[in-house]
Amino acid sequence: MPKEFSEDLYWRIIYLYIDGLSTVEIANTLHMSKGVLQKAALERNEIVHAHYLATIGEHYTRNQLIFIDESAKVERSLSRLYEYSLRNTSAQKKVVFIRGKRYTILSALTLDGFVAIDILKDHVIKKNLLILFLIKW
């Protein structure tokens, strides 16, 4: 997803570039990293974007594009974050911590909509995520 710059920041970058400043000097002047500036510039480049779309269209069909997402949810016991106490006395809170259940939600999306969704009771290791999808579906 391209980094969105405000219109003002966009024109400042252009004017600094026209003035002959290098990428590093522009990044330092605007107090941002060189990588953020270069990535945003590359993502806004229409030629690079068109090449990417052409490459995807040339090598893949509509049915081969599957986007995988993983989310997690942890259920914990209810607990207040703050306590009340009388003036000039410390607030004390005694709570038994109960580790909650962890759920992992896996989904696969194609251009036609969702093709798979699963809810697992535990966490999924990142490197096993693709293997899990290939086995289940």
Protein backbone atom coordinates (compact mmCIF):
# COMPACT_ATOMS: atom_id res chain seq x y z
CA MET A 1 0.00 0.00 0.00
CA PRO A 2 1.55 3.31 -1.00
CA LYS A 3 2.43 5.79 1.69
CA GLU A 4 0.16 8.78 1.33
CA PHE A 5 1.79 12.18 1.61
CA SER A 6 -0.11 15.40 2.06
CA GLU A 7 -0.27 17.71 -0.93
CA ASP A 8 2.05 20.17 0.83
CA LEU A 9 4.68 17.52 1.59
CA TYR A 10 4.42 16.16 -1.95
CA TRP A 11 5.24 19.57 -3.47
CA ARG A 12 8.04 20.20 -0.95
CA ILE A 13 9.69 16.97 -2.09
CA ILE A 14 9.37 18.04 -5.74
CA TYR A 15 10.82 21.52 -5.10
CA LEU A 16 13.72 20.09 -3.09
CA TYR A 17 14.45 17.64 -5.91
CA ILE A 18 14.33 20.45 -8.52
CA ASP A 19 16.76 22.45 -6.33
CA GLY A 20 19.25 19.60 -6.78
CA LEU A 21 19.13 17.93 -3.38
CA SER A 22 19.87 14.21 -3.24
CA THR A 23 17.45 11.66 -1.82
CA VAL A 24 19.38 11.52 1.46
CA GLU A 25 19.39 15.32 1.77
CA ILE A 26 15.64 15.53 1.07
CA ALA A 27 14.95 12.81 3.64
CA ASN A 28 17.10 14.56 6.25
CA THR A 29 15.51 17.94 5.51
CA LEU A 30 11.99 16.50 5.94
CA HIS A 31 12.98 14.37 8.97
CA MET A 32 12.10 11.02 7.42
CA SER A 33 14.11 7.97 6.50
CA LYS A 34 15.54 7.56 3.03
CA GLY A 35 13.80 4.18 2.71
CA VAL A 36 10.34 5.65 3.33
CA LEU A 37 10.95 8.35 0.75
CA GLN A 38 12.29 5.92 -1.87
CA LYS A 39 9.51 3.38 -1.29
CA ALA A 40 6.82 6.03 -1.65
CA ALA A 41 8.45 7.38 -4.82
CA LEU A 42 8.73 3.90 -6.32
CA GLU A 43 5.08 3.10 -5.54
CA ARG A 44 3.95 6.34 -7.21
CA ASN A 45 5.98 5.62 -10.35
CA GLU A 46 3.41 4.85 -13.08
CA ILE A 47 5.91 2.97 -15.28
CA VAL A 48 6.90 0.59 -12.47
CA HIS A 49 3.24 0.13 -11.53
CA ALA A 50 2.26 -0.67 -15.14
CA HIS A 51 5.15 -3.13 -15.41
CA TYR A 52 4.02 -4.89 -12.21
CA LEU A 53 0.44 -5.21 -13.48
CA ALA A 54 1.65 -6.49 -16.85
CA THR A 55 3.88 -9.08 -15.17
CA ILE A 56 1.03 -10.31 -12.97
CA GLY A 57 -1.34 -10.43 -15.95
CA GLU A 58 1.19 -12.26 -18.11
CA HIS A 59 2.22 -14.97 -15.65
CA TYR A 60 -0.93 -15.60 -13.62
CA THR A 61 -4.57 -16.29 -14.36
CA ARG A 62 -7.48 -14.94 -12.37
CA ASN A 63 -7.90 -18.27 -10.54
CA GLN A 64 -4.26 -18.34 -9.38
CA LEU A 65 -4.44 -15.15 -7.32
CA ILE A 66 -5.21 -16.02 -3.70
CA PHE A 67 -4.60 -13.59 -0.86
CA ILE A 68 -4.10 -15.13 2.59
CA ASP A 69 -4.69 -13.32 5.88
CA GLU A 70 -4.18 -14.32 9.49
CA SER A 71 -5.61 -12.59 12.55
CA ALA A 72 -5.51 -13.44 16.23
CA LYS A 73 -7.85 -12.96 19.16
CA VAL A 74 -6.99 -13.51 22.81
CA GLU A 75 -9.73 -13.83 25.39
CA ARG A 76 -8.59 -12.74 28.82
CA SER A 77 -10.42 -12.41 32.09
CA LEU A 78 -12.03 -9.04 32.67
CA SER A 79 -9.91 -6.72 34.75
CA ARG A 80 -10.05 -3.02 35.48
CA LEU A 81 -7.02 -0.97 34.60
CA TYR A 82 -7.53 1.66 37.31
CA GLU A 83 -8.63 1.66 40.94
CA TYR A 84 -10.04 4.29 43.27
CA SER A 85 -8.73 5.05 46.73
CA LEU A 86 -9.21 7.59 49.48
CA ARG A 87 -7.17 10.75 49.31
CA ASN A 88 -3.51 10.30 50.37
CA THR A 89 -3.69 6.50 50.26
CA SER A 90 -2.32 4.16 47.63
CA ALA A 91 -4.71 2.26 45.43
CA GLN A 92 -4.40 -1.48 45.82
CA LYS A 93 -5.74 -4.07 43.46
CA LYS A 94 -5.58 -7.81 43.93
CA VAL A 95 -6.42 -9.74 40.80
CA VAL A 96 -5.90 -13.34 39.82
CA PHE A 97 -4.62 -13.38 36.25
CA ILE A 98 -6.24 -16.00 34.06
CA ARG A 99 -4.55 -16.62 30.75
CA GLY A 100 -7.17 -16.44 28.06
CA LYS A 101 -7.83 -18.69 25.13
CA ARG A 102 -6.08 -17.76 21.92
CA TYR A 103 -7.78 -18.11 18.56
CA THR A 104 -6.25 -17.74 15.11
CA ILE A 105 -8.51 -16.77 12.23
CA LEU A 106 -7.27 -17.77 8.80
CA SER A 107 -8.90 -16.63 5.58
CA ALA A 108 -8.22 -16.88 1.85
CA LEU A 109 -9.60 -14.37 -0.61
CA THR A 110 -9.72 -14.58 -4.40
CA LEU A 111 -10.98 -12.07 -6.92
CA ASP A 112 -14.37 -13.84 -6.71
CA GLY A 113 -14.65 -13.63 -2.91
CA PHE A 114 -13.70 -15.72 0.13
CA VAL A 115 -12.81 -19.32 -0.69
CA ALA A 116 -11.78 -20.50 2.75
CA ILE A 117 -12.00 -19.44 6.34
CA ASP A 118 -11.01 -21.31 9.46
CA ILE A 119 -10.78 -20.57 13.17
CA LEU A 120 -8.11 -22.49 15.10
CA LYS A 121 -7.74 -22.78 18.85
CA ASP A 122 -4.11 -21.76 19.29
CA HIS A 123 -1.53 -19.69 17.47
CA VAL A 124 -0.04 -20.50 14.08
CA ILE A 125 3.67 -20.19 13.37
CA LYS A 126 4.31 -17.96 10.36
CA LYS A 127 6.35 -20.49 8.38
CA ASN A 128 3.65 -23.16 8.79
CA LEU A 129 0.82 -20.88 7.65
CA LEU A 130 1.08 -21.69 3.93
CA ILE A 131 1.52 -25.40 4.62
CA LEU A 132 -1.63 -25.36 6.74
CA PHE A 133 -3.60 -23.75 3.91
CA LEU A 134 -2.31 -26.23 1.35
CA ILE A 135 -3.22 -29.21 3.56
CA LYS A 136 -6.69 -27.97 4.54
CA TRP A 137 -7.85 -26.72 1.13
